[in-house]
Amino acid sequence: MTAQTTMSAAPINQRAATRAQGIRRFKWTVLTPFLALMIFILGPALLLQGYFSFFSFSIFDAGDDTSFLSYFRASQWVGLDLWADALTDSKFGFAIVRSLMFAVGVTVGCFIIGFALALLMYRPFRGQGFYYIFFILPMLTVPIVIAYTGEMILYQNGPLNDILSRITGLRIEAQFLYKQEIALTTIGFMEIWNWTPFSFIIMMAGLASLPKEPQEAAQILGANRFQIFFEVQLPLLRPVILLALILRFLESMAEFPKTWGLLQGGPGSATETIPVYIFINAWQYFDISYAAVLSYVVLILMVAIVMSAIWLLRREKKNLDAMYDAKPEEG
């Protein structure tokens, strides 16, 4: 009996070893291009950026010498002075606050609309493919095209104000882009229109992957559609929801094309978010060293956010695994 058990266990162990080897091979296949990019392209750029964060350099310091080595010859050691300036820069602080507010608002808006569309679409129905294509088209539009199209539509004497004037019977000349109070909100609505399909696709995949057994069991026990959604589907979707929110938040923090294409940080500094502020310092003031320090501060901030997000995702995965492991014992 023991010999038979050993012989039957051998193929299982071999299959497990083969599967583990396949998983390792797949991981390295996926990670190798990323590691090569980090080592050969991003790595040298980060090292050069790190050098200029401690050595003050402006492009004007090089004079007529345009060689690469002139950047090093013209730079001067300043230690942590630039870092202290960045951490006490009120304009940079306001840029961080604007980016955080913008990212939170856009993330919530994209998720609510995307999740609602996914709930309407995840069950098969006639003509589903057409609506699916229609809903993801905004994500396929180039951001700078959205910016210029939005500028034409939202112009003071543009189509939107004309439509509102005809509907209300009043002459409306709202300045959607040129009032400091609403400029960033206007760009936020453009961002929501552009990236709602991203949340829609993730939530569609999450809803389609839900196991049917818990939902069928709830139906047998007499639960209605709302009870099944809030007590069965929503708890199982928590990791997917968290992933959709995290990815959308990180991308919103880096939004640049629409903000710069429309207003270049204006009116005043109303839309001067983190990417815009760094761009202005690097390519308008040509203060390369200060822009490098700002980039590193943002990098540290984003790494902290990403690590927190990974911790949350792992916790949700453990909770979900514990939920599945507890079911057989309850039965």
C-alpha atoms as a PDB file:
ATOM      1  CA  MET A   1       0.000   0.000   0.000  1.00  0.00           C
ATOM      2  CA  THR A   2       2.858   2.344   0.859  1.00  0.00           C
ATOM      3  CA  ALA A   3       4.637   1.576  -2.420  1.00  0.00           C
ATOM      4  CA  GLN A   4       1.470   2.262  -4.410  1.00  0.00           C
ATOM      5  CA  THR A   5       0.996   5.546  -2.583  1.00  0.00           C
ATOM      6  CA  THR A   6       4.593   6.515  -3.310  1.00  0.00           C
ATOM      7  CA  MET A   7       4.217   5.629  -7.010  1.00  0.00           C
ATOM      8  CA  SER A   8       0.980   7.619  -7.328  1.00  0.00           C
ATOM      9  CA  ALA A   9       2.524  10.594  -5.513  1.00  0.00           C
ATOM     10  CA  ALA A  10       5.554  10.672  -7.829  1.00  0.00           C
ATOM     11  CA  PRO A  11       3.654  11.960 -10.931  1.00  0.00           C
ATOM     12  CA  ILE A  12       1.882  14.550  -8.752  1.00  0.00           C
ATOM     13  CA  ASN A  13       5.201  15.809  -7.396  1.00  0.00           C
ATOM     14  CA  GLN A  14       6.647  15.867 -10.906  1.00  0.00           C
ATOM     15  CA  ARG A  15       3.676  17.881 -12.198  1.00  0.00           C
ATOM     16  CA  ALA A  16       4.018  20.296  -9.274  1.00  0.00           C
ATOM     17  CA  ALA A  17       7.734  20.723  -9.968  1.00  0.00           C
ATOM     18  CA  THR A  18       7.065  21.271 -13.682  1.00  0.00           C
ATOM     19  CA  ARG A  19       4.371  23.805 -12.869  1.00  0.00           C
ATOM     20  CA  ALA A  20       6.656  25.659 -10.448  1.00  0.00           C
ATOM     21  CA  GLN A  21       9.402  25.716 -13.082  1.00  0.00           C
ATOM     22  CA  GLY A  22       6.951  27.067 -15.654  1.00  0.00           C
ATOM     23  CA  ILE A  23       5.850  29.805 -13.264  1.00  0.00           C
ATOM     24  CA  ARG A  24       9.472  30.808 -12.614  1.00  0.00           C
ATOM     25  CA  ARG A  25      10.197  30.860 -16.344  1.00  0.00           C
ATOM     26  CA  PHE A  26       7.116  33.014 -16.965  1.00  0.00           C
ATOM     27  CA  LYS A  27       8.136  35.459 -14.203  1.00  0.00           C
ATOM     28  CA  TRP A  28      11.610  35.899 -15.641  1.00  0.00           C
ATOM     29  CA  THR A  29      10.160  36.289 -19.153  1.00  0.00           C
ATOM     30  CA  VAL A  30       7.989  39.127 -17.907  1.00  0.00           C
ATOM     31  CA  LEU A  31      10.601  40.713 -15.628  1.00  0.00           C
ATOM     32  CA  THR A  32      13.635  40.566 -17.953  1.00  0.00           C
ATOM     33  CA  PRO A  33      12.566  43.442 -20.283  1.00  0.00           C
ATOM     34  CA  PHE A  34      11.661  45.579 -17.245  1.00  0.00           C
ATOM     35  CA  LEU A  35      14.994  44.858 -15.547  1.00  0.00           C
ATOM     36  CA  ALA A  36      16.879  45.620 -18.773  1.00  0.00           C
ATOM     37  CA  LEU A  37      15.012  48.925 -19.050  1.00  0.00           C
ATOM     38  CA  MET A  38      15.857  49.792 -15.452  1.00  0.00           C
ATOM     39  CA  ILE A  39      19.543  48.869 -15.743  1.00  0.00           C
ATOM     40  CA  PHE A  40      20.394  50.350 -19.135  1.00  0.00           C
ATOM     41  CA  ILE A  41      18.020  53.326 -19.482  1.00  0.00           C
ATOM     42  CA  LEU A  42      16.331  54.380 -16.240  1.00  0.00           C
ATOM     43  CA  GLY A  43      19.297  53.486 -14.042  1.00  0.00           C
ATOM     44  CA  PRO A  44      21.799  55.902 -15.666  1.00  0.00           C
ATOM     45  CA  ALA A  45      19.122  58.618 -15.805  1.00  0.00           C
ATOM     46  CA  LEU A  46      18.383  58.236 -12.088  1.00  0.00           C
ATOM     47  CA  LEU A  47      22.107  58.316 -11.250  1.00  0.00           C
ATOM     48  CA  LEU A  48      22.624  61.475 -13.315  1.00  0.00           C
ATOM     49  CA  GLN A  49      19.557  63.007 -11.730  1.00  0.00           C
ATOM     50  CA  GLY A  50      20.904  62.065  -8.300  1.00  0.00           C
ATOM     51  CA  TYR A  51      24.234  63.752  -9.118  1.00  0.00           C
ATOM     52  CA  PHE A  52      22.576  67.024 -10.078  1.00  0.00           C
ATOM     53  CA  SER A  53      20.430  66.974  -6.940  1.00  0.00           C
ATOM     54  CA  PHE A  54      23.617  67.596  -4.927  1.00  0.00           C
ATOM     55  CA  PHE A  55      25.483  69.709  -7.507  1.00  0.00           C
ATOM     56  CA  SER A  56      23.780  72.932  -8.541  1.00  0.00           C
ATOM     57  CA  PHE A  57      23.557  73.319 -12.308  1.00  0.00           C
ATOM     58  CA  SER A  58      21.569  75.467 -14.687  1.00  0.00           C
ATOM     59  CA  ILE A  59      21.806  75.161 -18.434  1.00  0.00           C
ATOM     60  CA  PHE A  60      23.009  78.769 -18.551  1.00  0.00           C
ATOM     61  CA  ASP A  61      26.059  77.844 -16.458  1.00  0.00           C
ATOM     62  CA  ALA A  62      27.584  75.849 -19.317  1.00  0.00           C
ATOM     63  CA  GLY A  63      27.941  78.923 -21.552  1.00  0.00           C
ATOM     64  CA  ASP A  64      28.919  78.152 -25.136  1.00  0.00           C
ATOM     65  CA  ASP A  65      30.257  74.721 -24.234  1.00  0.00           C
ATOM     66  CA  THR A  66      27.561  72.240 -25.319  1.00  0.00           C
ATOM     67  CA  SER A  67      29.491  69.044 -24.619  1.00  0.00           C
ATOM     68  CA  PHE A  68      28.165  66.515 -22.135  1.00  0.00           C
ATOM     69  CA  LEU A  69      31.128  67.013 -19.802  1.00  0.00           C
ATOM     70  CA  SER A  70      30.350  70.717 -19.571  1.00  0.00           C
ATOM     71  CA  TYR A  71      27.419  69.851 -17.358  1.00  0.00           C
ATOM     72  CA  PHE A  72      29.797  68.382 -14.792  1.00  0.00           C
ATOM     73  CA  ARG A  73      32.420  71.122 -15.103  1.00  0.00           C
ATOM     74  CA  ALA A  74      29.831  73.884 -14.624  1.00  0.00           C
ATOM     75  CA  SER A  75      28.102  72.289 -11.635  1.00  0.00           C
ATOM     76  CA  GLN A  76      28.917  73.251  -8.043  1.00  0.00           C
ATOM     77  CA  TRP A  77      28.547  71.200  -4.874  1.00  0.00           C
ATOM     78  CA  VAL A  78      25.656  72.438  -2.729  1.00  0.00           C
ATOM     79  CA  GLY A  79      24.964  69.358  -0.605  1.00  0.00           C
ATOM     80  CA  LEU A  80      21.457  69.267   0.822  1.00  0.00           C
ATOM     81  CA  ASP A  81      20.667  72.933   0.165  1.00  0.00           C
ATOM     82  CA  LEU A  82      18.422  72.157  -2.810  1.00  0.00           C
ATOM     83  CA  TRP A  83      16.624  69.466  -0.833  1.00  0.00           C
ATOM     84  CA  ALA A  84      15.961  71.965   1.956  1.00  0.00           C
ATOM     85  CA  ASP A  85      14.652  74.456  -0.609  1.00  0.00           C
ATOM     86  CA  ALA A  86      12.318  71.841  -2.091  1.00  0.00           C
ATOM     87  CA  LEU A  87      10.939  70.779   1.281  1.00  0.00           C
ATOM     88  CA  THR A  88      10.230  74.414   2.227  1.00  0.00           C
ATOM     89  CA  ASP A  89       8.944  75.499  -1.205  1.00  0.00           C
ATOM     90  CA  SER A  90       5.348  76.618  -0.678  1.00  0.00           C
ATOM     91  CA  LYS A  91       4.590  76.505  -4.422  1.00  0.00           C
ATOM     92  CA  PHE A  92       5.747  72.900  -4.540  1.00  0.00           C
ATOM     93  CA  GLY A  93       3.607  72.124  -1.507  1.00  0.00           C
ATOM     94  CA  PHE A  94       0.536  73.629  -3.169  1.00  0.00           C
ATOM     95  CA  ALA A  95       1.344  71.637  -6.328  1.00  0.00           C
ATOM     96  CA  ILE A  96       1.341  68.422  -4.268  1.00  0.00           C
ATOM     97  CA  VAL A  97      -1.997  69.344  -2.680  1.00  0.00           C
ATOM     98  CA  ARG A  98      -3.514  70.135  -6.087  1.00  0.00           C
ATOM     99  CA  SER A  99      -2.286  66.839  -7.514  1.00  0.00           C
ATOM    100  CA  LEU A 100      -3.665  64.869  -4.566  1.00  0.00           C
ATOM    101  CA  MET A 101      -7.053  66.605  -4.747  1.00  0.00           C
ATOM    102  CA  PHE A 102      -7.176  66.161  -8.515  1.00  0.00           C
ATOM    103  CA  ALA A 103      -6.181  62.483  -8.300  1.00  0.00           C
ATOM    104  CA  VAL A 104      -8.699  61.659  -5.560  1.00  0.00           C
ATOM    105  CA  GLY A 105     -11.575  63.384  -7.358  1.00  0.00           C
ATOM    106  CA  VAL A 106     -10.774  61.842 -10.726  1.00  0.00           C
ATOM    107  CA  THR A 107     -10.233  58.379  -9.226  1.00  0.00           C
ATOM    108  CA  VAL A 108     -13.600  58.417  -7.454  1.00  0.00           C
ATOM    109  CA  GLY A 109     -15.388  59.758 -10.533  1.00  0.00           C
ATOM    110  CA  CYS A 110     -13.837  57.204 -12.885  1.00  0.00           C
ATOM    111  CA  PHE A 111     -14.568  54.347 -10.505  1.00  0.00           C
ATOM    112  CA  ILE A 112     -18.227  55.210  -9.848  1.00  0.00           C
ATOM    113  CA  ILE A 113     -19.073  55.639 -13.531  1.00  0.00           C
ATOM    114  CA  GLY A 114     -16.927  52.688 -14.654  1.00  0.00           C
ATOM    115  CA  PHE A 115     -18.382  50.361 -12.014  1.00  0.00           C
ATOM    116  CA  ALA A 116     -21.929  51.429 -12.883  1.00  0.00           C
ATOM    117  CA  LEU A 117     -21.318  50.721 -16.575  1.00  0.00           C
ATOM    118  CA  ALA A 118     -19.727  47.363 -15.720  1.00  0.00           C
ATOM    119  CA  LEU A 119     -22.793  46.355 -13.680  1.00  0.00           C
ATOM    120  CA  LEU A 120     -24.979  47.163 -16.665  1.00  0.00           C
ATOM    121  CA  MET A 121     -22.750  45.351 -19.144  1.00  0.00           C
ATOM    122  CA  TYR A 122     -21.279  42.243 -17.536  1.00  0.00           C
ATOM    123  CA  ARG A 123     -24.283  39.999 -18.286  1.00  0.00           C
ATOM    124  CA  PRO A 124     -24.469  39.064 -21.982  1.00  0.00           C
ATOM    125  CA  PHE A 125     -27.180  40.741 -24.051  1.00  0.00           C
ATOM    126  CA  ARG A 126     -27.864  41.505 -27.686  1.00  0.00           C
ATOM    127  CA  GLY A 127     -25.627  44.246 -29.090  1.00  0.00           C
ATOM    128  CA  GLN A 128     -23.217  44.087 -26.151  1.00  0.00           C
ATOM    129  CA  GLY A 129     -20.162  44.306 -28.409  1.00  0.00           C
ATOM    130  CA  PHE A 130     -21.269  47.633 -29.872  1.00  0.00           C
ATOM    131  CA  TYR A 131     -21.716  49.215 -26.439  1.00  0.00           C
ATOM    132  CA  TYR A 132     -18.422  47.745 -25.259  1.00  0.00           C
ATOM    133  CA  ILE A 133     -16.543  49.393 -28.147  1.00  0.00           C
ATOM    134  CA  PHE A 134     -18.463  52.648 -27.627  1.00  0.00           C
ATOM    135  CA  PHE A 135     -17.549  52.800 -23.923  1.00  0.00           C
ATOM    136  CA  ILE A 136     -13.812  52.175 -24.407  1.00  0.00           C
ATOM    137  CA  LEU A 137     -13.346  54.671 -27.268  1.00  0.00           C
ATOM    138  CA  PRO A 138     -12.446  57.611 -24.962  1.00  0.00           C
ATOM    139  CA  MET A 139      -9.467  55.684 -23.583  1.00  0.00           C
ATOM    140  CA  LEU A 140      -8.133  55.248 -27.128  1.00  0.00           C
ATOM    141  CA  THR A 141      -8.162  59.001 -27.775  1.00  0.00           C
ATOM    142  CA  VAL A 142      -4.815  60.828 -27.592  1.00  0.00           C
ATOM    143  CA  PRO A 143      -4.835  63.122 -24.496  1.00  0.00           C
ATOM    144  CA  ILE A 144      -3.565  66.186 -26.364  1.00  0.00           C
ATOM    145  CA  VAL A 145      -6.419  65.771 -28.867  1.00  0.00           C
ATOM    146  CA  ILE A 146      -8.850  65.724 -25.945  1.00  0.00           C
ATOM    147  CA  ALA A 147      -7.253  68.923 -24.647  1.00  0.00           C
ATOM    148  CA  TYR A 148      -7.632  70.861 -27.891  1.00  0.00           C
ATOM    149  CA  THR A 149     -11.125  69.502 -28.546  1.00  0.00           C
ATOM    150  CA  GLY A 150     -12.126  70.445 -25.005  1.00  0.00           C
ATOM    151  CA  GLU A 151     -10.755  73.942 -25.516  1.00  0.00           C
ATOM    152  CA  MET A 152     -12.912  74.422 -28.621  1.00  0.00           C
ATOM    153  CA  ILE A 153     -16.043  73.083 -26.873  1.00  0.00           C
ATOM    154  CA  LEU A 154     -15.529  75.000 -23.605  1.00  0.00           C
ATOM    155  CA  TYR A 155     -14.511  78.318 -25.148  1.00  0.00           C
ATOM    156  CA  GLN A 156     -16.479  81.262 -23.774  1.00  0.00           C
ATOM    157  CA  ASN A 157     -18.434  81.607 -27.036  1.00  0.00           C
ATOM    158  CA  GLY A 158     -18.147  77.914 -27.830  1.00  0.00           C
ATOM    159  CA  PRO A 159     -20.727  75.165 -28.440  1.00  0.00           C
ATOM    160  CA  LEU A 160     -21.364  74.229 -24.786  1.00  0.00           C
ATOM    161  CA  ASN A 161     -22.268  77.752 -23.705  1.00  0.00           C
ATOM    162  CA  ASP A 162     -24.399  78.142 -26.840  1.00  0.00           C
ATOM    163  CA  ILE A 163     -26.344  74.932 -26.049  1.00  0.00           C
ATOM    164  CA  LEU A 164     -26.853  75.996 -22.421  1.00  0.00           C
ATOM    165  CA  SER A 165     -28.003  79.434 -23.582  1.00  0.00           C
ATOM    166  CA  ARG A 166     -30.579  77.913 -25.939  1.00  0.00           C
ATOM    167  CA  ILE A 167     -31.878  75.534 -23.255  1.00  0.00           C
ATOM    168  CA  THR A 168     -32.191  78.153 -20.501  1.00  0.00           C
ATOM    169  CA  GLY A 169     -33.126  81.133 -22.682  1.00  0.00           C
ATOM    170  CA  LEU A 170     -30.358  83.122 -20.989  1.00  0.00           C
ATOM    171  CA  ARG A 171     -27.041  84.294 -22.366  1.00  0.00           C
ATOM    172  CA  ILE A 172     -24.431  82.062 -20.734  1.00  0.00           C
ATOM    173  CA  GLU A 173     -20.741  82.807 -21.179  1.00  0.00           C
ATOM    174  CA  ALA A 174     -19.207  80.590 -18.501  1.00  0.00           C
ATOM    175  CA  GLN A 175     -15.411  80.603 -18.421  1.00  0.00           C
ATOM    176  CA  PHE A 176     -14.790  76.933 -17.759  1.00  0.00           C
ATOM    177  CA  LEU A 177     -11.070  77.157 -18.434  1.00  0.00           C
ATOM    178  CA  TYR A 178     -10.132  80.674 -17.410  1.00  0.00           C
ATOM    179  CA  LYS A 179     -11.557  80.967 -13.903  1.00  0.00           C
ATOM    180  CA  GLN A 180      -9.151  79.866 -11.191  1.00  0.00           C
ATOM    181  CA  GLU A 181     -11.920  78.338  -9.076  1.00  0.00           C
ATOM    182  CA  ILE A 182     -13.052  75.793 -11.685  1.00  0.00           C
ATOM    183  CA  ALA A 183     -10.138  75.359 -14.115  1.00  0.00           C
ATOM    184  CA  LEU A 184      -8.698  72.255 -12.431  1.00  0.00           C
ATOM    185  CA  THR A 185     -12.206  70.800 -11.997  1.00  0.00           C
ATOM    186  CA  THR A 186     -12.822  71.234 -15.727  1.00  0.00           C
ATOM    187  CA  ILE A 187      -9.650  69.315 -16.545  1.00  0.00           C
ATOM    188  CA  GLY A 188     -10.759  66.708 -14.002  1.00  0.00           C
ATOM    189  CA  PHE A 189     -13.980  66.114 -15.940  1.00  0.00           C
ATOM    190  CA  MET A 190     -11.941  65.666 -19.127  1.00  0.00           C
ATOM    191  CA  GLU A 191      -9.733  63.160 -17.302  1.00  0.00           C
ATOM    192  CA  ILE A 192     -12.790  61.270 -16.055  1.00  0.00           C
ATOM    193  CA  TRP A 193     -14.181  61.071 -19.594  1.00  0.00           C
ATOM    194  CA  ASN A 194     -10.802  59.921 -20.890  1.00  0.00           C
ATOM    195  CA  TRP A 195     -10.088  57.220 -18.290  1.00  0.00           C
ATOM    196  CA  THR A 196     -13.462  55.910 -17.091  1.00  0.00           C
ATOM    197  CA  PRO A 197     -13.087  53.038 -19.617  1.00  0.00           C
ATOM    198  CA  PHE A 198     -10.023  51.857 -17.685  1.00  0.00           C
ATOM    199  CA  SER A 199     -12.059  51.336 -14.512  1.00  0.00           C
ATOM    200  CA  PHE A 200     -14.876  49.902 -16.630  1.00  0.00           C
ATOM    201  CA  ILE A 201     -12.630  47.214 -18.129  1.00  0.00           C
ATOM    202  CA  ILE A 202     -11.122  46.219 -14.758  1.00  0.00           C
ATOM    203  CA  MET A 203     -14.528  45.965 -13.087  1.00  0.00           C
ATOM    204  CA  MET A 204     -15.945  44.048 -16.056  1.00  0.00           C
ATOM    205  CA  ALA A 205     -13.143  41.513 -15.667  1.00  0.00           C
ATOM    206  CA  GLY A 206     -13.728  41.331 -11.914  1.00  0.00           C
ATOM    207  CA  LEU A 207     -17.472  40.757 -12.264  1.00  0.00           C
ATOM    208  CA  ALA A 208     -16.967  38.142 -14.977  1.00  0.00           C
ATOM    209  CA  SER A 209     -14.507  36.216 -12.772  1.00  0.00           C
ATOM    210  CA  LEU A 210     -16.775  36.004  -9.726  1.00  0.00           C
ATOM    211  CA  PRO A 211     -17.629  32.405  -8.735  1.00  0.00           C
ATOM    212  CA  LYS A 212     -21.272  31.533  -9.369  1.00  0.00           C
ATOM    213  CA  GLU A 213     -21.706  29.112  -6.449  1.00  0.00           C
ATOM    214  CA  PRO A 214     -22.010  31.759  -3.663  1.00  0.00           C
ATOM    215  CA  GLN A 215     -24.474  33.766  -5.747  1.00  0.00           C
ATOM    216  CA  GLU A 216     -26.588  30.703  -6.538  1.00  0.00           C
ATOM    217  CA  ALA A 217     -26.557  29.689  -2.872  1.00  0.00           C
ATOM    218  CA  ALA A 218     -27.750  33.173  -1.875  1.00  0.00           C
ATOM    219  CA  GLN A 219     -30.573  32.966  -4.445  1.00  0.00           C
ATOM    220  CA  ILE A 220     -31.667  29.596  -3.053  1.00  0.00           C
ATOM    221  CA  LEU A 221     -31.748  31.111   0.435  1.00  0.00           C
ATOM    222  CA  GLY A 222     -34.107  33.812  -0.849  1.00  0.00           C
ATOM    223  CA  ALA A 223     -31.744  36.777  -1.192  1.00  0.00           C
ATOM    224  CA  ASN A 224     -32.808  39.474  -3.633  1.00  0.00           C
ATOM    225  CA  ARG A 225     -30.563  41.143  -6.210  1.00  0.00           C
ATOM    226  CA  PHE A 226     -29.446  43.955  -3.900  1.00  0.00           C
ATOM    227  CA  GLN A 227     -28.615  41.570  -1.069  1.00  0.00           C
ATOM    228  CA  ILE A 228     -26.567  39.390  -3.416  1.00  0.00           C
ATOM    229  CA  PHE A 229     -24.684  42.441  -4.649  1.00  0.00           C
ATOM    230  CA  PHE A 230     -23.875  43.968  -1.244  1.00  0.00           C
ATOM    231  CA  GLU A 231     -23.345  40.756   0.729  1.00  0.00           C
ATOM    232  CA  VAL A 232     -21.808  38.415  -1.871  1.00  0.00           C
ATOM    233  CA  GLN A 233     -20.472  40.193  -4.945  1.00  0.00           C
ATOM    234  CA  LEU A 234     -19.089  43.336  -3.323  1.00  0.00           C
ATOM    235  CA  PRO A 235     -16.979  41.529  -0.665  1.00  0.00           C
ATOM    236  CA  LEU A 236     -15.525  39.246  -3.339  1.00  0.00           C
ATOM    237  CA  LEU A 237     -14.753  42.265  -5.523  1.00  0.00           C
ATOM    238  CA  ARG A 238     -12.819  44.171  -2.858  1.00  0.00           C
ATOM    239  CA  PRO A 239      -9.328  43.241  -4.176  1.00  0.00           C
ATOM    240  CA  VAL A 240     -10.356  44.178  -7.735  1.00  0.00           C
ATOM    241  CA  ILE A 241     -11.902  47.448  -6.554  1.00  0.00           C
ATOM    242  CA  LEU A 242      -8.762  48.298  -4.606  1.00  0.00           C
ATOM    243  CA  LEU A 243      -6.580  47.529  -7.632  1.00  0.00           C
ATOM    244  CA  ALA A 244      -8.723  49.720  -9.913  1.00  0.00           C
ATOM    245  CA  LEU A 245      -8.581  52.617  -7.446  1.00  0.00           C
ATOM    246  CA  ILE A 246      -4.824  52.347  -6.921  1.00  0.00           C
ATOM    247  CA  LEU A 247      -3.925  52.187 -10.613  1.00  0.00           C
ATOM    248  CA  ARG A 248      -6.256  55.056 -11.464  1.00  0.00           C
ATOM    249  CA  PHE A 249      -4.908  57.190  -8.600  1.00  0.00           C
ATOM    250  CA  LEU A 250      -1.280  56.673  -9.615  1.00  0.00           C
ATOM    251  CA  GLU A 251      -1.997  57.573 -13.230  1.00  0.00           C
ATOM    252  CA  SER A 252      -3.998  60.662 -12.212  1.00  0.00           C
ATOM    253  CA  MET A 253      -1.078  61.928 -10.128  1.00  0.00           C
ATOM    254  CA  ALA A 254       1.045  61.927 -13.288  1.00  0.00           C
ATOM    255  CA  GLU A 255      -1.507  63.641 -15.573  1.00  0.00           C
ATOM    256  CA  PHE A 256       0.296  66.197 -17.731  1.00  0.00           C
ATOM    257  CA  PRO A 257      -0.765  66.396 -21.427  1.00  0.00           C
ATOM    258  CA  LYS A 258      -4.254  67.838 -20.928  1.00  0.00           C
ATOM    259  CA  THR A 259      -3.213  70.235 -18.155  1.00  0.00           C
ATOM    260  CA  TRP A 260      -0.241  71.585 -20.075  1.00  0.00           C
ATOM    261  CA  GLY A 261      -1.922  71.527 -23.482  1.00  0.00           C
ATOM    262  CA  LEU A 262      -4.833  73.624 -22.218  1.00  0.00           C
ATOM    263  CA  LEU A 263      -3.509  76.029 -19.611  1.00  0.00           C
ATOM    264  CA  GLN A 264       0.248  75.519 -18.972  1.00  0.00           C
ATOM    265  CA  GLY A 265      -0.438  75.668 -15.247  1.00  0.00           C
ATOM    266  CA  GLY A 266      -2.730  78.708 -15.450  1.00  0.00           C
ATOM    267  CA  PRO A 267      -4.783  80.712 -14.948  1.00  0.00           C
ATOM    268  CA  GLY A 268      -2.263  81.992 -12.432  1.00  0.00           C
ATOM    269  CA  SER A 269      -1.145  78.775 -10.761  1.00  0.00           C
ATOM    270  CA  ALA A 270      -4.602  77.167 -10.506  1.00  0.00           C
ATOM    271  CA  THR A 271      -3.616  74.065 -12.501  1.00  0.00           C
ATOM    272  CA  GLU A 272       0.049  73.942 -11.500  1.00  0.00           C
ATOM    273  CA  THR A 273       0.172  70.292 -10.458  1.00  0.00           C
ATOM    274  CA  ILE A 274       3.324  68.290  -9.679  1.00  0.00           C
ATOM    275  CA  PRO A 275       4.228  67.356 -13.296  1.00  0.00           C
ATOM    276  CA  VAL A 276       3.548  70.908 -14.503  1.00  0.00           C
ATOM    277  CA  TYR A 277       5.620  72.490 -11.727  1.00  0.00           C
ATOM    278  CA  ILE A 278       8.579  70.198 -12.398  1.00  0.00           C
ATOM    279  CA  PHE A 279       8.312  70.820 -16.145  1.00  0.00           C
ATOM    280  CA  ILE A 280       8.297  74.598 -15.620  1.00  0.00           C
ATOM    281  CA  ASN A 281      11.416  74.455 -13.445  1.00  0.00           C
ATOM    282  CA  ALA A 282      13.249  72.160 -15.858  1.00  0.00           C
ATOM    283  CA  TRP A 283      12.281  73.555 -19.268  1.00  0.00           C
ATOM    284  CA  GLN A 284      11.246  77.167 -18.659  1.00  0.00           C
ATOM    285  CA  TYR A 285      13.562  78.198 -15.835  1.00  0.00           C
ATOM    286  CA  PHE A 286      16.217  75.651 -16.957  1.00  0.00           C
ATOM    287  CA  ASP A 287      17.020  74.936 -13.309  1.00  0.00           C
ATOM    288  CA  ILE A 288      18.029  71.326 -13.905  1.00  0.00           C
ATOM    289  CA  SER A 289      19.284  70.634 -10.385  1.00  0.00           C
ATOM    290  CA  TYR A 290      16.176  71.907  -8.627  1.00  0.00           C
ATOM    291  CA  ALA A 291      13.927  69.975 -11.023  1.00  0.00           C
ATOM    292  CA  ALA A 292      15.979  66.843 -10.267  1.00  0.00           C
ATOM    293  CA  VAL A 293      15.447  67.314  -6.535  1.00  0.00           C
ATOM    294  CA  LEU A 294      11.712  67.854  -7.034  1.00  0.00           C
ATOM    295  CA  SER A 295      11.561  64.673  -9.109  1.00  0.00           C
ATOM    296  CA  TYR A 296      13.294  62.683  -6.381  1.00  0.00           C
ATOM    297  CA  VAL A 297      10.940  64.027  -3.708  1.00  0.00           C
ATOM    298  CA  VAL A 298       7.979  62.982  -5.847  1.00  0.00           C
ATOM    299  CA  LEU A 299       9.632  59.599  -6.464  1.00  0.00           C
ATOM    300  CA  ILE A 300       9.950  59.010  -2.716  1.00  0.00           C
ATOM    301  CA  LEU A 301       6.322  60.061  -2.225  1.00  0.00           C
ATOM    302  CA  MET A 302       5.079  57.732  -4.965  1.00  0.00           C
ATOM    303  CA  VAL A 303       7.174  54.811  -3.683  1.00  0.00           C
ATOM    304  CA  ALA A 304       5.560  55.272  -0.270  1.00  0.00           C
ATOM    305  CA  ILE A 305       2.107  55.287  -1.875  1.00  0.00           C
ATOM    306  CA  VAL A 306       2.884  52.209  -3.983  1.00  0.00           C
ATOM    307  CA  MET A 307       4.259  50.274  -1.013  1.00  0.00           C
ATOM    308  CA  SER A 308       1.147  51.135   1.002  1.00  0.00           C
ATOM    309  CA  ALA A 309      -0.987  49.997  -1.931  1.00  0.00           C
ATOM    310  CA  ILE A 310       0.885  46.689  -2.171  1.00  0.00           C
ATOM    311  CA  TRP A 311       0.362  46.136   1.557  1.00  0.00           C
ATOM    312  CA  LEU A 312      -3.362  46.789   1.179  1.00  0.00           C
ATOM    313  CA  LEU A 313      -3.619  44.438  -1.796  1.00  0.00           C
ATOM    314  CA  ARG A 314      -1.818  41.667   0.080  1.00  0.00           C
ATOM    315  CA  ARG A 315      -4.097  42.152   3.080  1.00  0.00           C
ATOM    316  CA  GLU A 316      -7.191  41.932   0.881  1.00  0.00           C
ATOM    317  CA  LYS A 317      -5.831  38.784  -0.752  1.00  0.00           C
ATOM    318  CA  LYS A 318      -5.232  37.183   2.647  1.00  0.00           C
ATOM    319  CA  ASN A 319      -8.753  38.086   3.756  1.00  0.00           C
ATOM    320  CA  LEU A 320     -10.197  36.599   0.575  1.00  0.00           C
ATOM    321  CA  ASP A 321      -8.141  33.411   0.948  1.00  0.00           C
ATOM    322  CA  ALA A 322      -9.257  33.118   4.570  1.00  0.00           C
ATOM    323  CA  MET A 323     -12.871  33.504   3.452  1.00  0.00           C
ATOM    324  CA  TYR A 324     -12.520  30.631   0.968  1.00  0.00           C
ATOM    325  CA  ASP A 325     -10.631  28.428   3.456  1.00  0.00           C
ATOM    326  CA  ALA A 326     -13.318  28.911   6.109  1.00  0.00           C
ATOM    327  CA  LYS A 327     -16.188  27.713   3.886  1.00  0.00           C
ATOM    328  CA  PRO A 328     -15.503  23.951   4.005  1.00  0.00           C
ATOM    329  CA  GLU A 329     -15.192  24.091   7.809  1.00  0.00           C
ATOM    330  CA  GLU A 330     -18.512  25.895   8.091  1.00  0.00           C
ATOM    331  CA  GLY A 331     -20.143  23.279   5.875  1.00  0.00           C
END
